[in-house]
Amino acid sequence: MSKIKASHILVKKRSEADRLLKEIQSGADFIELAKNHSLCSSGKKGGSLGFFTRGKMVKEFEKTAFSLAKGELSDVVKTEFGYHIIKRTG
């Protein structure tokens, strides 16, 4: 697969990422949480990063995003930018 679509929530602390992941798993709206908590500018768009190809994201993020099935949510992923929760959307 050469191109996928994903959204994410980026926070600085692991504890906050863990809390948000539990909220999403309990039925909280991913888009609303991204808008209210994500440090990335994509948060304004509900966390949407649009479509991207391999080589466009940092290694840890890319590896996880490409391993997810459409609609699947990742565990917390640590990168140089902080802690991400990734949702593959297409």
PDB file of N, CA and C in Angstrom:
ATOM      1  N   MET A   1       0.840  -1.176   0.000  1.00  0.00           N
ATOM      2  CA  MET A   1       0.000   0.000   0.000  1.00  0.00           C
ATOM      3  C   MET A   1       0.890   1.247   0.000  1.00  0.00           C
ATOM      4  N   SER A   2       0.655   2.116  -0.949  1.00  0.00           N
ATOM      5  CA  SER A   2       1.549   3.258  -1.094  1.00  0.00           C
ATOM      6  C   SER A   2       1.076   4.500  -0.351  1.00  0.00           C
ATOM      7  N   LYS A   3      -0.225   4.593  -0.081  1.00  0.00           N
ATOM      8  CA  LYS A   3      -0.765   5.808   0.516  1.00  0.00           C
ATOM      9  C   LYS A   3      -1.901   5.460   1.469  1.00  0.00           C
ATOM     10  N   ILE A   4      -1.902   6.083   2.655  1.00  0.00           N
ATOM     11  CA  ILE A   4      -2.988   5.878   3.608  1.00  0.00           C
ATOM     12  C   ILE A   4      -3.482   7.234   4.107  1.00  0.00           C
ATOM     13  N   LYS A   5      -4.610   7.210   4.777  1.00  0.00           N
ATOM     14  CA  LYS A   5      -5.175   8.410   5.394  1.00  0.00           C
ATOM     15  C   LYS A   5      -5.286   8.130   6.887  1.00  0.00           C
ATOM     16  N   ALA A   6      -4.852   9.087   7.699  1.00  0.00           N
ATOM     17  CA  ALA A   6      -4.892   8.880   9.145  1.00  0.00           C
ATOM     18  C   ALA A   6      -5.129  10.195   9.872  1.00  0.00           C
ATOM     19  N   SER A   7      -5.557  10.062  11.119  1.00  0.00           N
ATOM     20  CA  SER A   7      -5.719  11.187  12.033  1.00  0.00           C
ATOM     21  C   SER A   7      -4.933  10.859  13.292  1.00  0.00           C
ATOM     22  N   HIS A   8      -4.610  11.898  14.061  1.00  0.00           N
ATOM     23  CA  HIS A   8      -3.900  11.630  15.310  1.00  0.00           C
ATOM     24  C   HIS A   8      -4.179  12.717  16.333  1.00  0.00           C
ATOM     25  N   ILE A   9      -3.854  12.373  17.567  1.00  0.00           N
ATOM     26  CA  ILE A   9      -3.870  13.315  18.673  1.00  0.00           C
ATOM     27  C   ILE A   9      -2.450  13.312  19.225  1.00  0.00           C
ATOM     28  N   LEU A  10      -1.864  14.495  19.369  1.00  0.00           N
ATOM     29  CA  LEU A  10      -0.499  14.634  19.868  1.00  0.00           C
ATOM     30  C   LEU A  10      -0.517  15.394  21.186  1.00  0.00           C
ATOM     31  N   VAL A  11       0.089  14.794  22.212  1.00  0.00           N
ATOM     32  CA  VAL A  11       0.215  15.447  23.524  1.00  0.00           C
ATOM     33  C   VAL A  11       1.649  15.273  24.026  1.00  0.00           C
ATOM     34  N   LYS A  12       2.029  16.046  25.035  1.00  0.00           N
ATOM     35  CA  LYS A  12       3.398  15.999  25.561  1.00  0.00           C
ATOM     36  C   LYS A  12       3.623  14.893  26.585  1.00  0.00           C
ATOM     37  N   LYS A  13       2.602  14.564  27.377  1.00  0.00           N
ATOM     38  CA  LYS A  13       2.791  13.617  28.486  1.00  0.00           C
ATOM     39  C   LYS A  13       2.147  12.263  28.201  1.00  0.00           C
ATOM     40  N   ARG A  14       2.868  11.221  28.548  1.00  0.00           N
ATOM     41  CA  ARG A  14       2.349   9.857  28.377  1.00  0.00           C
ATOM     42  C   ARG A  14       1.059   9.667  29.161  1.00  0.00           C
ATOM     43  N   SER A  15       0.999  10.230  30.358  1.00  0.00           N
ATOM     44  CA  SER A  15      -0.194  10.060  31.194  1.00  0.00           C
ATOM     45  C   SER A  15      -1.430  10.654  30.514  1.00  0.00           C
ATOM     46  N   GLU A  16      -1.265  11.787  29.847  1.00  0.00           N
ATOM     47  CA  GLU A  16      -2.404  12.388  29.139  1.00  0.00           C
ATOM     48  C   GLU A  16      -2.812  11.534  27.948  1.00  0.00           C
ATOM     49  N   ALA A  17      -1.831  11.007  27.215  1.00  0.00           N
ATOM     50  CA  ALA A  17      -2.130  10.132  26.080  1.00  0.00           C
ATOM     51  C   ALA A  17      -2.869   8.882  26.540  1.00  0.00           C
ATOM     52  N   ASP A  18      -2.420   8.287  27.635  1.00  0.00           N
ATOM     53  CA  ASP A  18      -3.088   7.097  28.170  1.00  0.00           C
ATOM     54  C   ASP A  18      -4.535   7.409  28.552  1.00  0.00           C
ATOM     55  N   ARG A  19      -4.748   8.561  29.190  1.00  0.00           N
ATOM     56  CA  ARG A  19      -6.098   8.958  29.609  1.00  0.00           C
ATOM     57  C   ARG A  19      -7.004   9.171  28.391  1.00  0.00           C
ATOM     58  N   LEU A  20      -6.499   9.864  27.375  1.00  0.00           N
ATOM     59  CA  LEU A  20      -7.296  10.110  26.168  1.00  0.00           C
ATOM     60  C   LEU A  20      -7.606   8.815  25.429  1.00  0.00           C
ATOM     61  N   LEU A  21      -6.640   7.901  25.363  1.00  0.00           N
ATOM     62  CA  LEU A  21      -6.871   6.618  24.705  1.00  0.00           C
ATOM     63  C   LEU A  21      -7.990   5.856  25.410  1.00  0.00           C
ATOM     64  N   LYS A  22      -7.974   5.849  26.736  1.00  0.00           N
ATOM     65  CA  LYS A  22      -9.039   5.175  27.491  1.00  0.00           C
ATOM     66  C   LYS A  22     -10.390   5.827  27.222  1.00  0.00           C
ATOM     67  N   GLU A  23     -10.414   7.151  27.134  1.00  0.00           N
ATOM     68  CA  GLU A  23     -11.673   7.852  26.838  1.00  0.00           C
ATOM     69  C   GLU A  23     -12.212   7.440  25.469  1.00  0.00           C
ATOM     70  N   ILE A  24     -11.328   7.379  24.467  1.00  0.00           N
ATOM     71  CA  ILE A  24     -11.755   6.984  23.123  1.00  0.00           C
ATOM     72  C   ILE A  24     -12.263   5.542  23.128  1.00  0.00           C
ATOM     73  N   GLN A  25     -11.546   4.668  23.801  1.00  0.00           N
ATOM     74  CA  GLN A  25     -11.956   3.259  23.870  1.00  0.00           C
ATOM     75  C   GLN A  25     -13.281   3.091  24.601  1.00  0.00           C
ATOM     76  N   SER A  26     -13.622   4.072  25.444  1.00  0.00           N
ATOM     77  CA  SER A  26     -14.890   4.026  26.183  1.00  0.00           C
ATOM     78  C   SER A  26     -16.012   4.754  25.451  1.00  0.00           C
ATOM     79  N   GLY A  27     -15.723   5.220  24.235  1.00  0.00           N
ATOM     80  CA  GLY A  27     -16.776   5.813  23.420  1.00  0.00           C
ATOM     81  C   GLY A  27     -16.683   7.310  23.185  1.00  0.00           C
ATOM     82  N   ALA A  28     -15.668   7.981  23.740  1.00  0.00           N
ATOM     83  CA  ALA A  28     -15.507   9.423  23.498  1.00  0.00           C
ATOM     84  C   ALA A  28     -15.181   9.659  22.024  1.00  0.00           C
ATOM     85  N   ASP A  29     -15.549  10.822  21.522  1.00  0.00           N
ATOM     86  CA  ASP A  29     -15.369  11.164  20.121  1.00  0.00           C
ATOM     87  C   ASP A  29     -13.914  11.565  19.830  1.00  0.00           C
ATOM     88  N   PHE A  30     -13.254  10.820  18.955  1.00  0.00           N
ATOM     89  CA  PHE A  30     -11.852  11.064  18.600  1.00  0.00           C
ATOM     90  C   PHE A  30     -11.673  12.491  18.075  1.00  0.00           C
ATOM     91  N   ILE A  31     -12.546  12.908  17.179  1.00  0.00           N
ATOM     92  CA  ILE A  31     -12.425  14.228  16.552  1.00  0.00           C
ATOM     93  C   ILE A  31     -12.506  15.343  17.588  1.00  0.00           C
ATOM     94  N   GLU A  32     -13.469  15.247  18.496  1.00  0.00           N
ATOM     95  CA  GLU A  32     -13.606  16.281  19.532  1.00  0.00           C
ATOM     96  C   GLU A  32     -12.391  16.315  20.455  1.00  0.00           C
ATOM     97  N   LEU A  33     -11.896  15.141  20.829  1.00  0.00           N
ATOM     98  CA  LEU A  33     -10.712  15.098  21.685  1.00  0.00           C
ATOM     99  C   LEU A  33      -9.503  15.687  20.968  1.00  0.00           C
ATOM    100  N   ALA A  34      -9.371  15.405  19.673  1.00  0.00           N
ATOM    101  CA  ALA A  34      -8.265  15.986  18.904  1.00  0.00           C
ATOM    102  C   ALA A  34      -8.375  17.508  18.878  1.00  0.00           C
ATOM    103  N   LYS A  35      -9.574  18.008  18.640  1.00  0.00           N
ATOM    104  CA  LYS A  35      -9.776  19.462  18.591  1.00  0.00           C
ATOM    105  C   LYS A  35      -9.431  20.121  19.926  1.00  0.00           C
ATOM    106  N   ASN A  36      -9.750  19.453  21.017  1.00  0.00           N
ATOM    107  CA  ASN A  36      -9.577  20.042  22.340  1.00  0.00           C
ATOM    108  C   ASN A  36      -8.224  19.788  22.995  1.00  0.00           C
ATOM    109  N   HIS A  37      -7.488  18.768  22.533  1.00  0.00           N
ATOM    110  CA  HIS A  37      -6.269  18.388  23.247  1.00  0.00           C
ATOM    111  C   HIS A  37      -4.998  18.313  22.401  1.00  0.00           C
ATOM    112  N   SER A  38      -5.120  18.107  21.090  1.00  0.00           N
ATOM    113  CA  SER A  38      -3.929  17.879  20.279  1.00  0.00           C
ATOM    114  C   SER A  38      -3.079  19.135  20.146  1.00  0.00           C
ATOM    115  N   LEU A  39      -1.772  18.957  20.284  1.00  0.00           N
ATOM    116  CA  LEU A  39      -0.815  20.053  20.123  1.00  0.00           C
ATOM    117  C   LEU A  39      -0.472  20.298  18.659  1.00  0.00           C
ATOM    118  N   CYS A  40      -0.811  19.376  17.791  1.00  0.00           N
ATOM    119  CA  CYS A  40      -0.533  19.505  16.363  1.00  0.00           C
ATOM    120  C   CYS A  40      -1.567  20.432  15.721  1.00  0.00           C
ATOM    121  N   SER A  41      -1.158  21.170  14.717  1.00  0.00           N
ATOM    122  CA  SER A  41      -2.101  22.053  14.020  1.00  0.00           C
ATOM    123  C   SER A  41      -3.237  21.268  13.371  1.00  0.00           C
ATOM    124  N   SER A  42      -3.034  19.975  13.134  1.00  0.00           N
ATOM    125  CA  SER A  42      -4.098  19.133  12.570  1.00  0.00           C
ATOM    126  C   SER A  42      -5.267  18.973  13.543  1.00  0.00           C
ATOM    127  N   GLY A  43      -5.042  19.286  14.806  1.00  0.00           N
ATOM    128  CA  GLY A  43      -6.115  19.189  15.797  1.00  0.00           C
ATOM    129  C   GLY A  43      -7.334  20.005  15.415  1.00  0.00           C
ATOM    130  N   LYS A  44      -7.115  21.144  14.766  1.00  0.00           N
ATOM    131  CA  LYS A  44      -8.221  22.001  14.335  1.00  0.00           C
ATOM    132  C   LYS A  44      -9.135  21.281  13.351  1.00  0.00           C
ATOM    133  N   LYS A  45      -8.561  20.295  12.643  1.00  0.00           N
ATOM    134  CA  LYS A  45      -9.322  19.497  11.669  1.00  0.00           C
ATOM    135  C   LYS A  45      -9.696  18.138  12.255  1.00  0.00           C
ATOM    136  N   GLY A  46      -9.798  18.059  13.560  1.00  0.00           N
ATOM    137  CA  GLY A  46     -10.135  16.800  14.200  1.00  0.00           C
ATOM    138  C   GLY A  46      -9.008  15.786  14.168  1.00  0.00           C
ATOM    139  N   GLY A  47      -7.787  16.275  13.954  1.00  0.00           N
ATOM    140  CA  GLY A  47      -6.619  15.395  13.928  1.00  0.00           C
ATOM    141  C   GLY A  47      -6.260  14.869  12.554  1.00  0.00           C
ATOM    142  N   SER A  48      -7.054  15.208  11.540  1.00  0.00           N
ATOM    143  CA  SER A  48      -6.827  14.650  10.205  1.00  0.00           C
ATOM    144  C   SER A  48      -5.514  15.111   9.590  1.00  0.00           C
ATOM    145  N   LEU A  49      -4.738  14.136   9.138  1.00  0.00           N
ATOM    146  CA  LEU A  49      -3.483  14.400   8.432  1.00  0.00           C
ATOM    147  C   LEU A  49      -3.656  14.221   6.928  1.00  0.00           C
ATOM    148  N   GLY A  50      -4.851  13.824   6.513  1.00  0.00           N
ATOM    149  CA  GLY A  50      -5.095  13.552   5.104  1.00  0.00           C
ATOM    150  C   GLY A  50      -4.341  12.311   4.654  1.00  0.00           C
ATOM    151  N   PHE A  51      -4.129  12.207   3.348  1.00  0.00           N
ATOM    152  CA  PHE A  51      -3.394  11.079   2.785  1.00  0.00           C
ATOM    153  C   PHE A  51      -1.896  11.371   2.816  1.00  0.00           C
ATOM    154  N   PHE A  52      -1.115  10.334   3.087  1.00  0.00           N
ATOM    155  CA  PHE A  52       0.343  10.473   3.033  1.00  0.00           C
ATOM    156  C   PHE A  52       0.966   9.147   2.627  1.00  0.00           C
ATOM    157  N   THR A  53       2.185   9.241   2.115  1.00  0.00           N
ATOM    158  CA  THR A  53       2.924   8.060   1.661  1.00  0.00           C
ATOM    159  C   THR A  53       4.045   7.758   2.645  1.00  0.00           C
ATOM    160  N   ARG A  54       4.657   6.597   2.456  1.00  0.00           N
ATOM    161  CA  ARG A  54       5.815   6.244   3.286  1.00  0.00           C
ATOM    162  C   ARG A  54       6.925   7.279   3.076  1.00  0.00           C
ATOM    163  N   GLY A  55       7.653   7.555   4.145  1.00  0.00           N
ATOM    164  CA  GLY A  55       8.742   8.506   4.057  1.00  0.00           C
ATOM    165  C   GLY A  55       8.354   9.936   4.398  1.00  0.00           C
ATOM    166  N   LYS A  56       7.072  10.184   4.658  1.00  0.00           N
ATOM    167  CA  LYS A  56       6.598  11.541   4.966  1.00  0.00           C
ATOM    168  C   LYS A  56       6.494  11.810   6.462  1.00  0.00           C
ATOM    169  N   MET A  57       6.431  10.765   7.266  1.00  0.00           N
ATOM    170  CA  MET A  57       6.272  10.905   8.715  1.00  0.00           C
ATOM    171  C   MET A  57       7.498  10.325   9.420  1.00  0.00           C
ATOM    172  N   VAL A  58       7.671  10.681  10.695  1.00  0.00           N
ATOM    173  CA  VAL A  58       8.782  10.086  11.443  1.00  0.00           C
ATOM    174  C   VAL A  58       8.583   8.579  11.539  1.00  0.00           C
ATOM    175  N   LYS A  59       9.690   7.861  11.667  1.00  0.00           N
ATOM    176  CA  LYS A  59       9.710   6.394  11.562  1.00  0.00           C
ATOM    177  C   LYS A  59       8.696   5.692  12.464  1.00  0.00           C
ATOM    178  N   GLU A  60       8.669   6.055  13.746  1.00  0.00           N
ATOM    179  CA  GLU A  60       7.784   5.367  14.701  1.00  0.00           C
ATOM    180  C   GLU A  60       6.312   5.584  14.328  1.00  0.00           C
ATOM    181  N   PHE A  61       5.993   6.805  13.935  1.00  0.00           N
ATOM    182  CA  PHE A  61       4.621   7.131  13.555  1.00  0.00           C
ATOM    183  C   PHE A  61       4.226   6.366  12.294  1.00  0.00           C
ATOM    184  N   GLU A  62       5.080   6.434  11.290  1.00  0.00           N
ATOM    185  CA  GLU A  62       4.795   5.771  10.011  1.00  0.00           C
ATOM    186  C   GLU A  62       4.611   4.263  10.173  1.00  0.00           C
ATOM    187  N   LYS A  63       5.509   3.633  10.917  1.00  0.00           N
ATOM    188  CA  LYS A  63       5.433   2.180  11.114  1.00  0.00           C
ATOM    189  C   LYS A  63       4.086   1.788  11.715  1.00  0.00           C
ATOM    190  N   THR A  64       3.657   2.528  12.723  1.00  0.00           N
ATOM    191  CA  THR A  64       2.382   2.220  13.371  1.00  0.00           C
ATOM    192  C   THR A  64       1.212   2.521  12.450  1.00  0.00           C
ATOM    193  N   ALA A  65       1.204   3.685  11.823  1.00  0.00           N
ATOM    194  CA  ALA A  65       0.078   4.079  10.966  1.00  0.00           C
ATOM    195  C   ALA A  65      -0.145   3.079   9.840  1.00  0.00           C
ATOM    196  N   PHE A  66       0.938   2.645   9.199  1.00  0.00           N
ATOM    197  CA  PHE A  66       0.798   1.709   8.080  1.00  0.00           C
ATOM    198  C   PHE A  66       0.441   0.296   8.547  1.00  0.00           C
ATOM    199  N   SER A  67       0.614  -0.002   9.831  1.00  0.00           N
ATOM    200  CA  SER A  67       0.279  -1.342  10.335  1.00  0.00           C
ATOM    201  C   SER A  67      -1.187  -1.459  10.737  1.00  0.00           C
ATOM    202  N   LEU A  68      -1.879  -0.325  10.852  1.00  0.00           N
ATOM    203  CA  LEU A  68      -3.279  -0.339  11.281  1.00  0.00           C
ATOM    204  C   LEU A  68      -4.212  -0.677  10.128  1.00  0.00           C
ATOM    205  N   ALA A  69      -5.337  -1.313  10.458  1.00  0.00           N
ATOM    206  CA  ALA A  69      -6.398  -1.525   9.485  1.00  0.00           C
ATOM    207  C   ALA A  69      -7.275  -0.268   9.478  1.00  0.00           C
ATOM    208  N   LYS A  70      -8.000  -0.044   8.404  1.00  0.00           N
ATOM    209  CA  LYS A  70      -8.885   1.114   8.319  1.00  0.00           C
ATOM    210  C   LYS A  70      -9.859   1.108   9.498  1.00  0.00           C
ATOM    211  N   GLY A  71      -9.938   2.238  10.198  1.00  0.00           N
ATOM    212  CA  GLY A  71     -10.814   2.365  11.357  1.00  0.00           C
ATOM    213  C   GLY A  71     -10.170   1.963  12.669  1.00  0.00           C
ATOM    214  N   GLU A  72      -8.976   1.368  12.594  1.00  0.00           N
ATOM    215  CA  GLU A  72      -8.295   0.891  13.802  1.00  0.00           C
ATOM    216  C   GLU A  72      -7.547   2.015  14.504  1.00  0.00           C
ATOM    217  N   LEU A  73      -7.474   1.895  15.822  1.00  0.00           N
ATOM    218  CA  LEU A  73      -6.824   2.867  16.690  1.00  0.00           C
ATOM    219  C   LEU A  73      -5.525   2.263  17.228  1.00  0.00           C
ATOM    220  N   SER A  74      -4.484   3.066  17.300  1.00  0.00           N
ATOM    221  CA  SER A  74      -3.197   2.577  17.821  1.00  0.00           C
ATOM    222  C   SER A  74      -3.157   2.661  19.335  1.00  0.00           C
ATOM    223  N   ASP A  75      -2.173   1.999  19.911  1.00  0.00           N
ATOM    224  CA  ASP A  75      -1.785   2.263  21.283  1.00  0.00           C
ATOM    225  C   ASP A  75      -1.042   3.597  21.251  1.00  0.00           C
ATOM    226  N   VAL A  76      -0.579   4.057  22.381  1.00  0.00           N
ATOM    227  CA  VAL A  76       0.183   5.299  22.441  1.00  0.00           C
ATOM    228  C   VAL A  76       1.540   5.083  21.769  1.00  0.00           C
ATOM    229  N   VAL A  77       1.927   6.013  20.891  1.00  0.00           N
ATOM    230  CA  VAL A  77       3.179   5.936  20.146  1.00  0.00           C
ATOM    231  C   VAL A  77       4.043   7.142  20.516  1.00  0.00           C
ATOM    232  N   LYS A  78       5.282   6.876  20.956  1.00  0.00           N
ATOM    233  CA  LYS A  78       6.199   7.960  21.326  1.00  0.00           C
ATOM    234  C   LYS A  78       7.091   8.314  20.137  1.00  0.00           C
ATOM    235  N   THR A  79       7.182   9.624  19.852  1.00  0.00           N
ATOM    236  CA  THR A  79       8.112  10.125  18.843  1.00  0.00           C
ATOM    237  C   THR A  79       8.849  11.320  19.433  1.00  0.00           C
ATOM    238  N   GLU A  80       9.720  11.920  18.650  1.00  0.00           N
ATOM    239  CA  GLU A  80      10.445  13.103  19.105  1.00  0.00           C
ATOM    240  C   GLU A  80       9.509  14.284  19.394  1.00  0.00           C
ATOM    241  N   PHE A  81       8.278  14.230  18.886  1.00  0.00           N
ATOM    242  CA  PHE A  81       7.321  15.328  19.067  1.00  0.00           C
ATOM    243  C   PHE A  81       6.456  15.176  20.306  1.00  0.00           C
ATOM    244  N   GLY A  82       6.369  13.956  20.829  1.00  0.00           N
ATOM    245  CA  GLY A  82       5.539  13.687  21.999  1.00  0.00           C
ATOM    246  C   GLY A  82       4.870  12.330  21.865  1.00  0.00           C
ATOM    247  N   TYR A  83       3.646  12.250  22.354  1.00  0.00           N
ATOM    248  CA  TYR A  83       2.899  10.990  22.373  1.00  0.00           C
ATOM    249  C   TYR A  83       1.671  11.110  21.480  1.00  0.00           C
ATOM    250  N   HIS A  84       1.516  10.128  20.595  1.00  0.00           N
ATOM    251  CA  HIS A  84       0.438  10.148  19.599  1.00  0.00           C
ATOM    252  C   HIS A  84      -0.545   9.005  19.844  1.00  0.00           C
ATOM    253  N   ILE A  85      -1.788   9.290  19.524  1.00  0.00           N
ATOM    254  CA  ILE A  85      -2.803   8.257  19.341  1.00  0.00           C
ATOM    255  C   ILE A  85      -3.183   8.378  17.873  1.00  0.00           C
ATOM    256  N   ILE A  86      -3.028   7.302  17.132  1.00  0.00           N
ATOM    257  CA  ILE A  86      -3.234   7.329  15.678  1.00  0.00           C
ATOM    258  C   ILE A  86      -4.470   6.527  15.324  1.00  0.00           C
ATOM    259  N   LYS A  87      -5.273   7.081  14.421  1.00  0.00           N
ATOM    260  CA  LYS A  87      -6.434   6.365  13.889  1.00  0.00           C
ATOM    261  C   LYS A  87      -6.332   6.361  12.370  1.00  0.00           C
ATOM    262  N   ARG A  88      -6.296   5.157  11.801  1.00  0.00           N
ATOM    263  CA  ARG A  88      -6.270   5.066  10.338  1.00  0.00           C
ATOM    264  C   ARG A  88      -7.680   5.267   9.818  1.00  0.00           C
ATOM    265  N   THR A  89      -7.840   6.184   8.897  1.00  0.00           N
ATOM    266  CA  THR A  89      -9.175   6.536   8.423  1.00  0.00           C
ATOM    267  C   THR A  89      -9.397   6.201   6.959  1.00  0.00           C
ATOM    268  N   GLY A  90      -8.349   5.804   6.249  1.00  0.00           N
ATOM    269  CA  GLY A  90      -8.541   5.461   4.840  1.00  0.00           C
ATOM    270  C   GLY A  90      -7.299   4.870   4.235  1.00  0.00           C
TER     271      GLY A  90
END
